[in-house]
Amino acid sequence: MAVIRINAVGERPVLHARLRSFDDGIARLAHVSGPVVIMVHGYKYQPGNPNHCPHRHILSLDPQHMPWRAPSWPRQLGFGLGRRDEGLAVAFGWDARGTLASAQARALAAGRALAQVVRSLHAQAPARDIHIIGHSLGSEVALEALHWLPAGAVGRVISLTGASYQSRAAAALATPAGRRAEFFNVTSRENDAFDFMFETLTRSPERGDRAIGQGFEATNAVTLQLDCLDTLEHLAQMGHSIGLPERRVCHWSSYMRPGALRLYKRLLRQPERTPLPLMQQLLPEVPARRWSRLLSLRPQPSPMPIWQRI
């Protein structure tokens, strides 16, 4: 098992709480077999801040219950099991505190730092799969990195209720690296209030632009709306059971929902069993309209029984 913690300091990647360069840390793990999964947190985290450090929370194998109880991303994605082929987990931190607009600007710089990490990993083992999964503003980090990478450097990008504009995603997927990558846009109407806040408090690249939570279309992309019962039914038929939505408003359900991280584990570790064209064919093409969940008068479905929550 290998988990390496790297932070962006401006546009420069450094090892977390270490004096060595990140290249030295990566070189020591060059022998690790299996895929590389780069995990990028979202808004309000700050590496080294005792109350908001992602390396003590979602990016840790054993998260502390601060600022709230949350699952371990690396453990749920298949790391920490002691298997020789489990691969390399990269916990990528960046300063996401402050105003939403200032954090968005730092996300772009962090994306260029992330690109340096991916280039180093890709140069070491060009045939090894490298994937990125990011939540909220972490999608901005991942999309920016694609602008600075060669074709084939990244296999799959999973955006969890991403705080990014549709035009930003389209531009990133039009780059050499973006055209070769597969983009999974995980959304939920539970996140509508946060999408609206993102659009209100940040400047859109284009007039009339909308957050990718409203959907996104590209030949190498698919949108998974996790509070859509049709989507959940199709995923279950493919062997990916996910708990029913429990809230009308939630920014974290894309990884807190029972079964969600298990789905992402399969997307990242078994791409041959989760082909993008099949998911594009089976899943609904058009997401539900904004506010449809918040304004619905229908009773919410019952949550998954406690014994199924893994």
C-alpha atoms as a PDB file:
ATOM      1  CA  MET A   1       0.000   0.000   0.000  1.00  0.00           C
ATOM      2  CA  ALA A   2       1.193   3.499  -0.768  1.00  0.00           C
ATOM      3  CA  VAL A   3      -0.415   6.859  -0.013  1.00  0.00           C
ATOM      4  CA  ILE A   4       1.634   9.928  -0.787  1.00  0.00           C
ATOM      5  CA  ARG A   5       0.513  13.343   0.456  1.00  0.00           C
ATOM      6  CA  ILE A   6       1.278  16.281  -1.815  1.00  0.00           C
ATOM      7  CA  ASN A   7       0.194  19.905  -1.513  1.00  0.00           C
ATOM      8  CA  ALA A   8       0.122  22.769  -3.973  1.00  0.00           C
ATOM      9  CA  VAL A   9       1.977  25.859  -2.828  1.00  0.00           C
ATOM     10  CA  GLY A  10       0.959  28.269  -5.546  1.00  0.00           C
ATOM     11  CA  GLU A  11       1.871  26.435  -8.745  1.00  0.00           C
ATOM     12  CA  ARG A  12       4.517  24.300  -7.022  1.00  0.00           C
ATOM     13  CA  PRO A  13       3.848  20.792  -5.657  1.00  0.00           C
ATOM     14  CA  VAL A  14       5.529  19.876  -2.362  1.00  0.00           C
ATOM     15  CA  LEU A  15       5.346  16.906  -0.028  1.00  0.00           C
ATOM     16  CA  HIS A  16       3.035  17.446   2.929  1.00  0.00           C
ATOM     17  CA  ALA A  17       4.981  18.115   6.154  1.00  0.00           C
ATOM     18  CA  ARG A  18       8.287  17.157   4.491  1.00  0.00           C
ATOM     19  CA  LEU A  19      11.363  19.039   3.333  1.00  0.00           C
ATOM     20  CA  ARG A  20      12.036  16.761   0.354  1.00  0.00           C
ATOM     21  CA  SER A  21      10.778  17.622  -3.112  1.00  0.00           C
ATOM     22  CA  PHE A  22       7.729  15.785  -4.398  1.00  0.00           C
ATOM     23  CA  ASP A  23       9.890  14.191  -7.123  1.00  0.00           C
ATOM     24  CA  ASP A  24      11.937  12.435  -4.438  1.00  0.00           C
ATOM     25  CA  GLY A  25       8.785  11.100  -2.816  1.00  0.00           C
ATOM     26  CA  ILE A  26       7.369   9.841  -6.102  1.00  0.00           C
ATOM     27  CA  ALA A  27      10.680   8.255  -7.137  1.00  0.00           C
ATOM     28  CA  ARG A  28      10.653   6.114  -4.000  1.00  0.00           C
ATOM     29  CA  LEU A  29       7.276   4.686  -5.012  1.00  0.00           C
ATOM     30  CA  ALA A  30       8.041   4.051  -8.669  1.00  0.00           C
ATOM     31  CA  HIS A  31       7.972   0.293  -8.093  1.00  0.00           C
ATOM     32  CA  VAL A  32       4.376   0.260  -6.852  1.00  0.00           C
ATOM     33  CA  SER A  33       2.136  -1.687  -9.237  1.00  0.00           C
ATOM     34  CA  GLY A  34      -1.489  -0.874  -9.963  1.00  0.00           C
ATOM     35  CA  PRO A  35      -3.302   2.323 -10.915  1.00  0.00           C
ATOM     36  CA  VAL A  36      -2.592   5.811  -9.631  1.00  0.00           C
ATOM     37  CA  VAL A  37      -5.631   7.528  -8.123  1.00  0.00           C
ATOM     38  CA  ILE A  38      -5.246  11.241  -7.375  1.00  0.00           C
ATOM     39  CA  MET A  39      -7.791  12.534  -4.862  1.00  0.00           C
ATOM     40  CA  VAL A  40      -8.528  16.270  -4.735  1.00  0.00           C
ATOM     41  CA  HIS A  41     -10.642  17.858  -2.008  1.00  0.00           C
ATOM     42  CA  GLY A  42     -12.932  20.836  -2.450  1.00  0.00           C
ATOM     43  CA  TYR A  43     -13.796  24.147  -0.827  1.00  0.00           C
ATOM     44  CA  LYS A  44     -12.904  25.119   2.778  1.00  0.00           C
ATOM     45  CA  TYR A  45     -10.007  22.702   3.329  1.00  0.00           C
ATOM     46  CA  GLN A  46      -6.455  23.890   4.010  1.00  0.00           C
ATOM     47  CA  PRO A  47      -3.455  21.569   4.428  1.00  0.00           C
ATOM     48  CA  GLY A  48      -1.761  22.022   7.804  1.00  0.00           C
ATOM     49  CA  ASN A  49      -4.727  23.785   9.391  1.00  0.00           C
ATOM     50  CA  PRO A  50      -5.538  21.593  12.419  1.00  0.00           C
ATOM     51  CA  ASN A  51      -9.266  22.147  11.973  1.00  0.00           C
ATOM     52  CA  HIS A  52      -9.447  21.943   8.182  1.00  0.00           C
ATOM     53  CA  CYS A  53      -6.576  19.732   6.980  1.00  0.00           C
ATOM     54  CA  PRO A  54      -7.755  17.277   4.306  1.00  0.00           C
ATOM     55  CA  HIS A  55      -4.897  14.895   5.176  1.00  0.00           C
ATOM     56  CA  ARG A  56      -6.494  14.409   8.590  1.00  0.00           C
ATOM     57  CA  HIS A  57      -9.977  14.036   7.154  1.00  0.00           C
ATOM     58  CA  ILE A  58     -11.323  12.654   3.850  1.00  0.00           C
ATOM     59  CA  LEU A  59      -7.867  12.086   2.288  1.00  0.00           C
ATOM     60  CA  SER A  60      -6.635  10.067   5.281  1.00  0.00           C
ATOM     61  CA  LEU A  61      -6.781   6.295   5.652  1.00  0.00           C
ATOM     62  CA  ASP A  62      -8.064   6.915   9.185  1.00  0.00           C
ATOM     63  CA  PRO A  63      -9.996  10.212   9.212  1.00  0.00           C
ATOM     64  CA  GLN A  64     -10.469  12.228  12.350  1.00  0.00           C
ATOM     65  CA  HIS A  65     -14.034  13.310  12.998  1.00  0.00           C
ATOM     66  CA  MET A  66     -13.319  16.926  12.138  1.00  0.00           C
ATOM     67  CA  PRO A  67     -14.803  19.100  10.836  1.00  0.00           C
ATOM     68  CA  TRP A  68     -17.436  16.328  10.566  1.00  0.00           C
ATOM     69  CA  ARG A  69     -17.558  12.547  10.367  1.00  0.00           C
ATOM     70  CA  ALA A  70     -16.697  11.420   6.848  1.00  0.00           C
ATOM     71  CA  PRO A  71     -15.466   8.280   5.104  1.00  0.00           C
ATOM     72  CA  SER A  72     -11.848   7.709   4.123  1.00  0.00           C
ATOM     73  CA  TRP A  73     -11.548   8.256   0.398  1.00  0.00           C
ATOM     74  CA  PRO A  74      -8.355   6.190  -0.034  1.00  0.00           C
ATOM     75  CA  ARG A  75      -9.682   3.269   2.003  1.00  0.00           C
ATOM     76  CA  GLN A  76     -13.043   3.240   0.218  1.00  0.00           C
ATOM     77  CA  LEU A  77     -11.254   3.422  -3.148  1.00  0.00           C
ATOM     78  CA  GLY A  78      -9.282   0.262  -2.401  1.00  0.00           C
ATOM     79  CA  PHE A  79      -6.120   1.427  -0.658  1.00  0.00           C
ATOM     80  CA  GLY A  80      -4.767   0.309   2.704  1.00  0.00           C
ATOM     81  CA  LEU A  81      -5.584  -3.369   2.119  1.00  0.00           C
ATOM     82  CA  GLY A  82      -1.977  -4.533   1.846  1.00  0.00           C
ATOM     83  CA  ARG A  83      -2.330  -5.888  -1.688  1.00  0.00           C
ATOM     84  CA  ARG A  84       0.671  -5.672  -3.970  1.00  0.00           C
ATOM     85  CA  ASP A  85      -1.339  -4.402  -6.911  1.00  0.00           C
ATOM     86  CA  GLU A  86      -3.530  -1.870  -5.130  1.00  0.00           C
ATOM     87  CA  GLY A  87      -1.557   0.968  -6.696  1.00  0.00           C
ATOM     88  CA  LEU A  88      -0.664   4.441  -5.519  1.00  0.00           C
ATOM     89  CA  ALA A  89      -3.026   6.889  -3.844  1.00  0.00           C
ATOM     90  CA  VAL A  90      -2.065  10.547  -4.159  1.00  0.00           C
ATOM     91  CA  ALA A  91      -3.759  12.782  -1.590  1.00  0.00           C
ATOM     92  CA  PHE A  92      -3.541  16.212  -3.217  1.00  0.00           C
ATOM     93  CA  GLY A  93      -4.126  19.214  -0.976  1.00  0.00           C
ATOM     94  CA  TRP A  94      -4.412  22.909  -1.728  1.00  0.00           C
ATOM     95  CA  ASP A  95      -5.516  26.081   0.056  1.00  0.00           C
ATOM     96  CA  ALA A  96      -9.279  26.244  -0.453  1.00  0.00           C
ATOM     97  CA  ARG A  97     -10.101  28.676   2.371  1.00  0.00           C
ATOM     98  CA  GLY A  98     -11.280  32.278   1.974  1.00  0.00           C
ATOM     99  CA  THR A  99     -13.951  33.585  -0.348  1.00  0.00           C
ATOM    100  CA  LEU A 100     -15.303  31.340  -3.064  1.00  0.00           C
ATOM    101  CA  ALA A 101     -13.835  33.578  -5.780  1.00  0.00           C
ATOM    102  CA  SER A 102     -10.359  33.616  -4.195  1.00  0.00           C
ATOM    103  CA  ALA A 103     -10.423  29.859  -3.683  1.00  0.00           C
ATOM    104  CA  GLN A 104     -11.427  29.381  -7.325  1.00  0.00           C
ATOM    105  CA  ALA A 105      -8.399  31.426  -8.420  1.00  0.00           C
ATOM    106  CA  ARG A 106      -6.100  29.299  -6.253  1.00  0.00           C
ATOM    107  CA  ALA A 107      -7.696  26.170  -7.708  1.00  0.00           C
ATOM    108  CA  LEU A 108      -6.319  27.125 -11.127  1.00  0.00           C
ATOM    109  CA  ALA A 109      -2.804  27.503  -9.719  1.00  0.00           C
ATOM    110  CA  ALA A 110      -3.225  24.200  -7.892  1.00  0.00           C
ATOM    111  CA  GLY A 111      -4.235  22.603 -11.187  1.00  0.00           C
ATOM    112  CA  ARG A 112      -0.917  23.590 -12.717  1.00  0.00           C
ATOM    113  CA  ALA A 113       0.855  22.093  -9.689  1.00  0.00           C
ATOM    114  CA  LEU A 114      -1.181  18.916 -10.126  1.00  0.00           C
ATOM    115  CA  ALA A 115      -0.139  18.736 -13.775  1.00  0.00           C
ATOM    116  CA  GLN A 116       3.517  18.590 -12.673  1.00  0.00           C
ATOM    117  CA  VAL A 117       2.705  15.638 -10.422  1.00  0.00           C
ATOM    118  CA  VAL A 118       0.876  13.811 -13.208  1.00  0.00           C
ATOM    119  CA  ARG A 119       3.703  14.457 -15.687  1.00  0.00           C
ATOM    120  CA  SER A 120       6.245  12.967 -13.272  1.00  0.00           C
ATOM    121  CA  LEU A 121       4.095   9.911 -12.623  1.00  0.00           C
ATOM    122  CA  HIS A 122       3.385   9.450 -16.328  1.00  0.00           C
ATOM    123  CA  ALA A 123       7.071   9.740 -17.229  1.00  0.00           C
ATOM    124  CA  GLN A 124       7.976   7.025 -14.711  1.00  0.00           C
ATOM    125  CA  ALA A 125       5.494   4.492 -16.069  1.00  0.00           C
ATOM    126  CA  PRO A 126       3.728   5.627 -19.276  1.00  0.00           C
ATOM    127  CA  ALA A 127       1.579   2.479 -19.411  1.00  0.00           C
ATOM    128  CA  ARG A 128       0.216   2.852 -15.870  1.00  0.00           C
ATOM    129  CA  ASP A 129      -3.318   4.218 -15.498  1.00  0.00           C
ATOM    130  CA  ILE A 130      -3.616   7.610 -13.803  1.00  0.00           C
ATOM    131  CA  HIS A 131      -7.055   8.793 -12.700  1.00  0.00           C
ATOM    132  CA  ILE A 132      -8.302  11.883 -10.850  1.00  0.00           C
ATOM    133  CA  ILE A 133     -11.292  12.220  -8.551  1.00  0.00           C
ATOM    134  CA  GLY A 134     -12.263  15.586  -7.095  1.00  0.00           C
ATOM    135  CA  HIS A 135     -15.122  17.133  -5.147  1.00  0.00           C
ATOM    136  CA  SER A 136     -16.568  20.640  -5.478  1.00  0.00           C
ATOM    137  CA  LEU A 137     -13.752  23.064  -6.436  1.00  0.00           C
ATOM    138  CA  GLY A 138     -11.494  20.030  -6.781  1.00  0.00           C
ATOM    139  CA  SER A 139     -13.034  19.674 -10.245  1.00  0.00           C
ATOM    140  CA  GLU A 140     -11.488  23.043 -11.164  1.00  0.00           C
ATOM    141  CA  VAL A 141      -8.086  21.702 -10.106  1.00  0.00           C
ATOM    142  CA  ALA A 142      -8.505  18.571 -12.239  1.00  0.00           C
ATOM    143  CA  LEU A 143      -9.830  20.413 -15.299  1.00  0.00           C
ATOM    144  CA  GLU A 144      -7.034  22.988 -15.184  1.00  0.00           C
ATOM    145  CA  ALA A 145      -4.425  20.212 -15.009  1.00  0.00           C
ATOM    146  CA  LEU A 146      -5.652  18.816 -18.348  1.00  0.00           C
ATOM    147  CA  HIS A 147      -4.553  22.038 -20.080  1.00  0.00           C
ATOM    148  CA  TRP A 148      -0.919  21.316 -19.141  1.00  0.00           C
ATOM    149  CA  LEU A 149      -0.685  17.600 -19.873  1.00  0.00           C
ATOM    150  CA  PRO A 150       0.072  15.476 -22.936  1.00  0.00           C
ATOM    151  CA  ALA A 151      -2.442  13.178 -24.581  1.00  0.00           C
ATOM    152  CA  GLY A 152      -2.962   9.949 -22.665  1.00  0.00           C
ATOM    153  CA  ALA A 153      -1.597  11.206 -19.354  1.00  0.00           C
ATOM    154  CA  VAL A 154      -4.973  10.859 -17.591  1.00  0.00           C
ATOM    155  CA  GLY A 155      -7.432   8.013 -18.005  1.00  0.00           C
ATOM    156  CA  ARG A 156     -10.560   8.998 -16.110  1.00  0.00           C
ATOM    157  CA  VAL A 157     -11.686  12.123 -14.253  1.00  0.00           C
ATOM    158  CA  ILE A 158     -14.560  11.861 -11.772  1.00  0.00           C
ATOM    159  CA  SER A 159     -16.105  15.176 -10.736  1.00  0.00           C
ATOM    160  CA  LEU A 160     -18.244  14.972  -7.589  1.00  0.00           C
ATOM    161  CA  THR A 161     -20.828  17.792  -7.590  1.00  0.00           C
ATOM    162  CA  GLY A 162     -18.154  19.868  -9.248  1.00  0.00           C
ATOM    163  CA  ALA A 163     -17.907  23.645  -8.848  1.00  0.00           C
ATOM    164  CA  SER A 164     -16.980  24.321 -12.469  1.00  0.00           C
ATOM    165  CA  TYR A 165     -18.631  25.995 -15.425  1.00  0.00           C
ATOM    166  CA  GLN A 166     -19.772  24.067 -18.475  1.00  0.00           C
ATOM    167  CA  SER A 167     -17.499  26.094 -20.775  1.00  0.00           C
ATOM    168  CA  ARG A 168     -14.497  25.343 -18.516  1.00  0.00           C
ATOM    169  CA  ALA A 169     -15.192  21.628 -18.742  1.00  0.00           C
ATOM    170  CA  ALA A 170     -15.646  21.825 -22.515  1.00  0.00           C
ATOM    171  CA  ALA A 171     -12.346  23.691 -22.948  1.00  0.00           C
ATOM    172  CA  ALA A 172     -10.484  21.182 -20.764  1.00  0.00           C
ATOM    173  CA  LEU A 173     -11.876  18.196 -22.669  1.00  0.00           C
ATOM    174  CA  ALA A 174     -10.861  19.848 -25.948  1.00  0.00           C
ATOM    175  CA  THR A 175      -7.157  19.728 -24.964  1.00  0.00           C
ATOM    176  CA  PRO A 176      -4.919  16.812 -26.062  1.00  0.00           C
ATOM    177  CA  ALA A 177      -5.115  15.274 -22.579  1.00  0.00           C
ATOM    178  CA  GLY A 178      -8.825  16.006 -22.280  1.00  0.00           C
ATOM    179  CA  ARG A 179      -9.742  14.382 -25.584  1.00  0.00           C
ATOM    180  CA  ARG A 180      -8.160  11.112 -24.445  1.00  0.00           C
ATOM    181  CA  ALA A 181      -9.682  11.183 -20.947  1.00  0.00           C
ATOM    182  CA  GLU A 182     -13.148  10.035 -19.873  1.00  0.00           C
ATOM    183  CA  PHE A 183     -15.140  12.490 -17.759  1.00  0.00           C
ATOM    184  CA  PHE A 184     -17.747  11.362 -15.226  1.00  0.00           C
ATOM    185  CA  ASN A 185     -19.889  14.284 -14.082  1.00  0.00           C
ATOM    186  CA  VAL A 186     -21.557  13.211 -10.826  1.00  0.00           C
ATOM    187  CA  THR A 187     -24.389  15.581  -9.929  1.00  0.00           C
ATOM    188  CA  SER A 188     -27.436  15.791  -7.685  1.00  0.00           C
ATOM    189  CA  ARG A 189     -30.317  18.210  -7.319  1.00  0.00           C
ATOM    190  CA  GLU A 190     -29.376  18.144  -3.630  1.00  0.00           C
ATOM    191  CA  ASN A 191     -26.515  20.432  -4.701  1.00  0.00           C
ATOM    192  CA  ASP A 192     -28.676  23.063  -6.467  1.00  0.00           C
ATOM    193  CA  ALA A 193     -28.246  25.705  -3.754  1.00  0.00           C
ATOM    194  CA  PHE A 194     -24.469  25.342  -3.930  1.00  0.00           C
ATOM    195  CA  ASP A 195     -24.453  25.482  -7.752  1.00  0.00           C
ATOM    196  CA  PHE A 196     -26.505  28.678  -7.556  1.00  0.00           C
ATOM    197  CA  MET A 197     -24.125  30.161  -4.983  1.00  0.00           C
ATOM    198  CA  PHE A 198     -21.147  29.250  -7.183  1.00  0.00           C
ATOM    199  CA  GLU A 199     -22.699  30.962 -10.207  1.00  0.00           C
ATOM    200  CA  THR A 200     -23.610  34.029  -8.113  1.00  0.00           C
ATOM    201  CA  LEU A 201     -20.292  34.543  -6.328  1.00  0.00           C
ATOM    202  CA  THR A 202     -17.852  33.751  -9.164  1.00  0.00           C
ATOM    203  CA  ARG A 203     -17.390  35.186 -12.631  1.00  0.00           C
ATOM    204  CA  SER A 204     -18.430  32.874 -15.457  1.00  0.00           C
ATOM    205  CA  PRO A 205     -16.090  32.559 -18.458  1.00  0.00           C
ATOM    206  CA  GLU A 206     -18.983  33.089 -20.869  1.00  0.00           C
ATOM    207  CA  ARG A 207     -22.302  34.899 -20.759  1.00  0.00           C
ATOM    208  CA  GLY A 208     -25.097  32.559 -19.747  1.00  0.00           C
ATOM    209  CA  ASP A 209     -22.668  29.884 -18.540  1.00  0.00           C
ATOM    210  CA  ARG A 210     -23.945  27.369 -16.009  1.00  0.00           C
ATOM    211  CA  ALA A 211     -22.354  25.036 -13.500  1.00  0.00           C
ATOM    212  CA  ILE A 212     -21.776  21.458 -14.656  1.00  0.00           C
ATOM    213  CA  GLY A 213     -24.330  20.408 -12.056  1.00  0.00           C
ATOM    214  CA  GLN A 214     -26.901  21.432 -14.688  1.00  0.00           C
ATOM    215  CA  GLY A 215     -25.474  18.747 -16.965  1.00  0.00           C
ATOM    216  CA  PHE A 216     -22.653  18.544 -19.444  1.00  0.00           C
ATOM    217  CA  GLU A 217     -22.410  16.961 -22.871  1.00  0.00           C
ATOM    218  CA  ALA A 218     -19.317  15.693 -24.657  1.00  0.00           C
ATOM    219  CA  THR A 219     -18.476  12.581 -26.628  1.00  0.00           C
ATOM    220  CA  ASN A 220     -16.186  11.411 -23.825  1.00  0.00           C
ATOM    221  CA  ALA A 221     -18.386  12.441 -20.886  1.00  0.00           C
ATOM    222  CA  VAL A 222     -21.433  11.207 -19.018  1.00  0.00           C
ATOM    223  CA  THR A 223     -23.562  12.795 -16.276  1.00  0.00           C
ATOM    224  CA  LEU A 224     -24.632  10.656 -13.321  1.00  0.00           C
ATOM    225  CA  GLN A 225     -27.415  12.348 -11.353  1.00  0.00           C
ATOM    226  CA  LEU A 226     -27.347  10.475  -8.060  1.00  0.00           C
ATOM    227  CA  ASP A 227     -30.772  11.602  -6.857  1.00  0.00           C
ATOM    228  CA  CYS A 228     -32.453  10.438 -10.070  1.00  0.00           C
ATOM    229  CA  LEU A 229     -34.318   7.189  -9.416  1.00  0.00           C
ATOM    230  CA  ASP A 230     -33.938   6.093 -13.056  1.00  0.00           C
ATOM    231  CA  THR A 231     -30.180   6.581 -12.803  1.00  0.00           C
ATOM    232  CA  LEU A 232     -30.029   4.611  -9.545  1.00  0.00           C
ATOM    233  CA  GLU A 233     -32.094   1.803 -11.072  1.00  0.00           C
ATOM    234  CA  HIS A 234     -29.841   1.540 -14.133  1.00  0.00           C
ATOM    235  CA  LEU A 235     -26.720   1.591 -11.964  1.00  0.00           C
ATOM    236  CA  ALA A 236     -28.192  -1.160  -9.785  1.00  0.00           C
ATOM    237  CA  GLN A 237     -28.856  -3.268 -12.887  1.00  0.00           C
ATOM    238  CA  MET A 238     -25.161  -2.854 -13.747  1.00  0.00           C
ATOM    239  CA  GLY A 239     -24.230  -4.081 -10.268  1.00  0.00           C
ATOM    240  CA  HIS A 240     -23.682  -0.675  -8.638  1.00  0.00           C
ATOM    241  CA  SER A 241     -26.189  -0.234  -5.805  1.00  0.00           C
ATOM    242  CA  ILE A 242     -26.296   3.235  -4.251  1.00  0.00           C
ATOM    243  CA  GLY A 243     -28.439   4.386  -1.350  1.00  0.00           C
ATOM    244  CA  LEU A 244     -31.474   6.531  -2.014  1.00  0.00           C
ATOM    245  CA  PRO A 245     -31.168  10.288  -1.414  1.00  0.00           C
ATOM    246  CA  GLU A 246     -32.015  11.372   2.106  1.00  0.00           C
ATOM    247  CA  ARG A 247     -31.918  15.178   1.924  1.00  0.00           C
ATOM    248  CA  ARG A 248     -33.262  17.978  -0.216  1.00  0.00           C
ATOM    249  CA  VAL A 249     -30.058  20.016   0.166  1.00  0.00           C
ATOM    250  CA  CYS A 250     -26.573  18.521   0.565  1.00  0.00           C
ATOM    251  CA  HIS A 251     -23.183  19.384  -0.935  1.00  0.00           C
ATOM    252  CA  TRP A 252     -21.467  16.177   0.191  1.00  0.00           C
ATOM    253  CA  SER A 253     -23.906  13.440  -0.806  1.00  0.00           C
ATOM    254  CA  SER A 254     -21.819  12.540  -3.861  1.00  0.00           C
ATOM    255  CA  TYR A 255     -19.366  10.779  -1.543  1.00  0.00           C
ATOM    256  CA  MET A 256     -21.366  10.432   1.689  1.00  0.00           C
ATOM    257  CA  ARG A 257     -24.194   8.445   0.070  1.00  0.00           C
ATOM    258  CA  PRO A 258     -23.951   4.712   0.879  1.00  0.00           C
ATOM    259  CA  GLY A 259     -22.411   2.870  -2.059  1.00  0.00           C
ATOM    260  CA  ALA A 260     -21.211   5.981  -3.913  1.00  0.00           C
ATOM    261  CA  LEU A 261     -17.493   5.560  -3.200  1.00  0.00           C
ATOM    262  CA  ARG A 262     -17.823   1.870  -4.021  1.00  0.00           C
ATOM    263  CA  LEU A 263     -19.102   2.873  -7.477  1.00  0.00           C
ATOM    264  CA  TYR A 264     -16.149   5.232  -7.975  1.00  0.00           C
ATOM    265  CA  LYS A 265     -13.776   2.451  -6.914  1.00  0.00           C
ATOM    266  CA  ARG A 266     -15.113   0.300  -9.746  1.00  0.00           C
ATOM    267  CA  LEU A 267     -14.970   3.164 -12.233  1.00  0.00           C
ATOM    268  CA  LEU A 268     -11.311   3.747 -11.371  1.00  0.00           C
ATOM    269  CA  ARG A 269     -10.110   0.176 -10.874  1.00  0.00           C
ATOM    270  CA  GLN A 270     -12.257  -1.744 -13.367  1.00  0.00           C
ATOM    271  CA  PRO A 271     -12.814   0.521 -16.373  1.00  0.00           C
ATOM    272  CA  GLU A 272     -13.322  -2.540 -18.585  1.00  0.00           C
ATOM    273  CA  ARG A 273     -16.419  -3.418 -16.496  1.00  0.00           C
ATOM    274  CA  THR A 274     -17.743   0.139 -16.545  1.00  0.00           C
ATOM    275  CA  PRO A 275     -17.341   1.208 -20.185  1.00  0.00           C
ATOM    276  CA  LEU A 276     -18.255   4.809 -20.843  1.00  0.00           C
ATOM    277  CA  PRO A 277     -20.312   4.097 -24.015  1.00  0.00           C
ATOM    278  CA  LEU A 278     -22.534   1.674 -22.096  1.00  0.00           C
ATOM    279  CA  MET A 279     -23.147   4.181 -19.321  1.00  0.00           C
ATOM    280  CA  GLN A 280     -23.903   6.897 -21.878  1.00  0.00           C
ATOM    281  CA  GLN A 281     -26.420   4.562 -23.501  1.00  0.00           C
ATOM    282  CA  LEU A 282     -28.211   3.485 -20.325  1.00  0.00           C
ATOM    283  CA  LEU A 283     -28.287   6.619 -18.186  1.00  0.00           C
ATOM    284  CA  PRO A 284     -30.768   9.490 -18.741  1.00  0.00           C
ATOM    285  CA  GLU A 285     -29.466  12.071 -21.209  1.00  0.00           C
ATOM    286  CA  VAL A 286     -31.086  15.121 -19.609  1.00  0.00           C
ATOM    287  CA  PRO A 287     -30.789  15.779 -15.851  1.00  0.00           C
ATOM    288  CA  ALA A 288     -33.760  16.941 -13.810  1.00  0.00           C
ATOM    289  CA  ARG A 289     -34.361  20.683 -13.716  1.00  0.00           C
ATOM    290  CA  ARG A 290     -32.786  22.880 -11.053  1.00  0.00           C
ATOM    291  CA  TRP A 291     -34.791  23.183  -7.815  1.00  0.00           C
ATOM    292  CA  SER A 292     -36.964  20.220  -8.820  1.00  0.00           C
ATOM    293  CA  ARG A 293     -35.931  18.351  -5.682  1.00  0.00           C
ATOM    294  CA  LEU A 294     -36.131  21.290  -3.292  1.00  0.00           C
ATOM    295  CA  LEU A 295     -39.593  22.313  -4.484  1.00  0.00           C
ATOM    296  CA  SER A 296     -41.019  18.826  -4.776  1.00  0.00           C
ATOM    297  CA  LEU A 297     -44.008  18.154  -2.528  1.00  0.00           C
ATOM    298  CA  ARG A 298     -43.623  14.411  -2.830  1.00  0.00           C
ATOM    299  CA  PRO A 299     -42.302  12.558   0.226  1.00  0.00           C
ATOM    300  CA  GLN A 300     -38.629  11.673  -0.037  1.00  0.00           C
ATOM    301  CA  PRO A 301     -37.761   7.978  -0.548  1.00  0.00           C
ATOM    302  CA  SER A 302     -36.666   5.966   2.442  1.00  0.00           C
ATOM    303  CA  PRO A 303     -32.910   5.724   2.948  1.00  0.00           C
ATOM    304  CA  MET A 304     -30.917   2.534   2.503  1.00  0.00           C
ATOM    305  CA  PRO A 305     -31.169   0.221   5.541  1.00  0.00           C
ATOM    306  CA  ILE A 306     -28.308   0.604   7.988  1.00  0.00           C
ATOM    307  CA  TRP A 307     -26.956  -2.903   7.296  1.00  0.00           C
ATOM    308  CA  GLN A 308     -26.378  -1.978   3.641  1.00  0.00           C
ATOM    309  CA  ARG A 309     -24.393   1.176   4.430  1.00  0.00           C
ATOM    310  CA  ILE A 310     -20.819   0.391   3.356  1.00  0.00           C
END
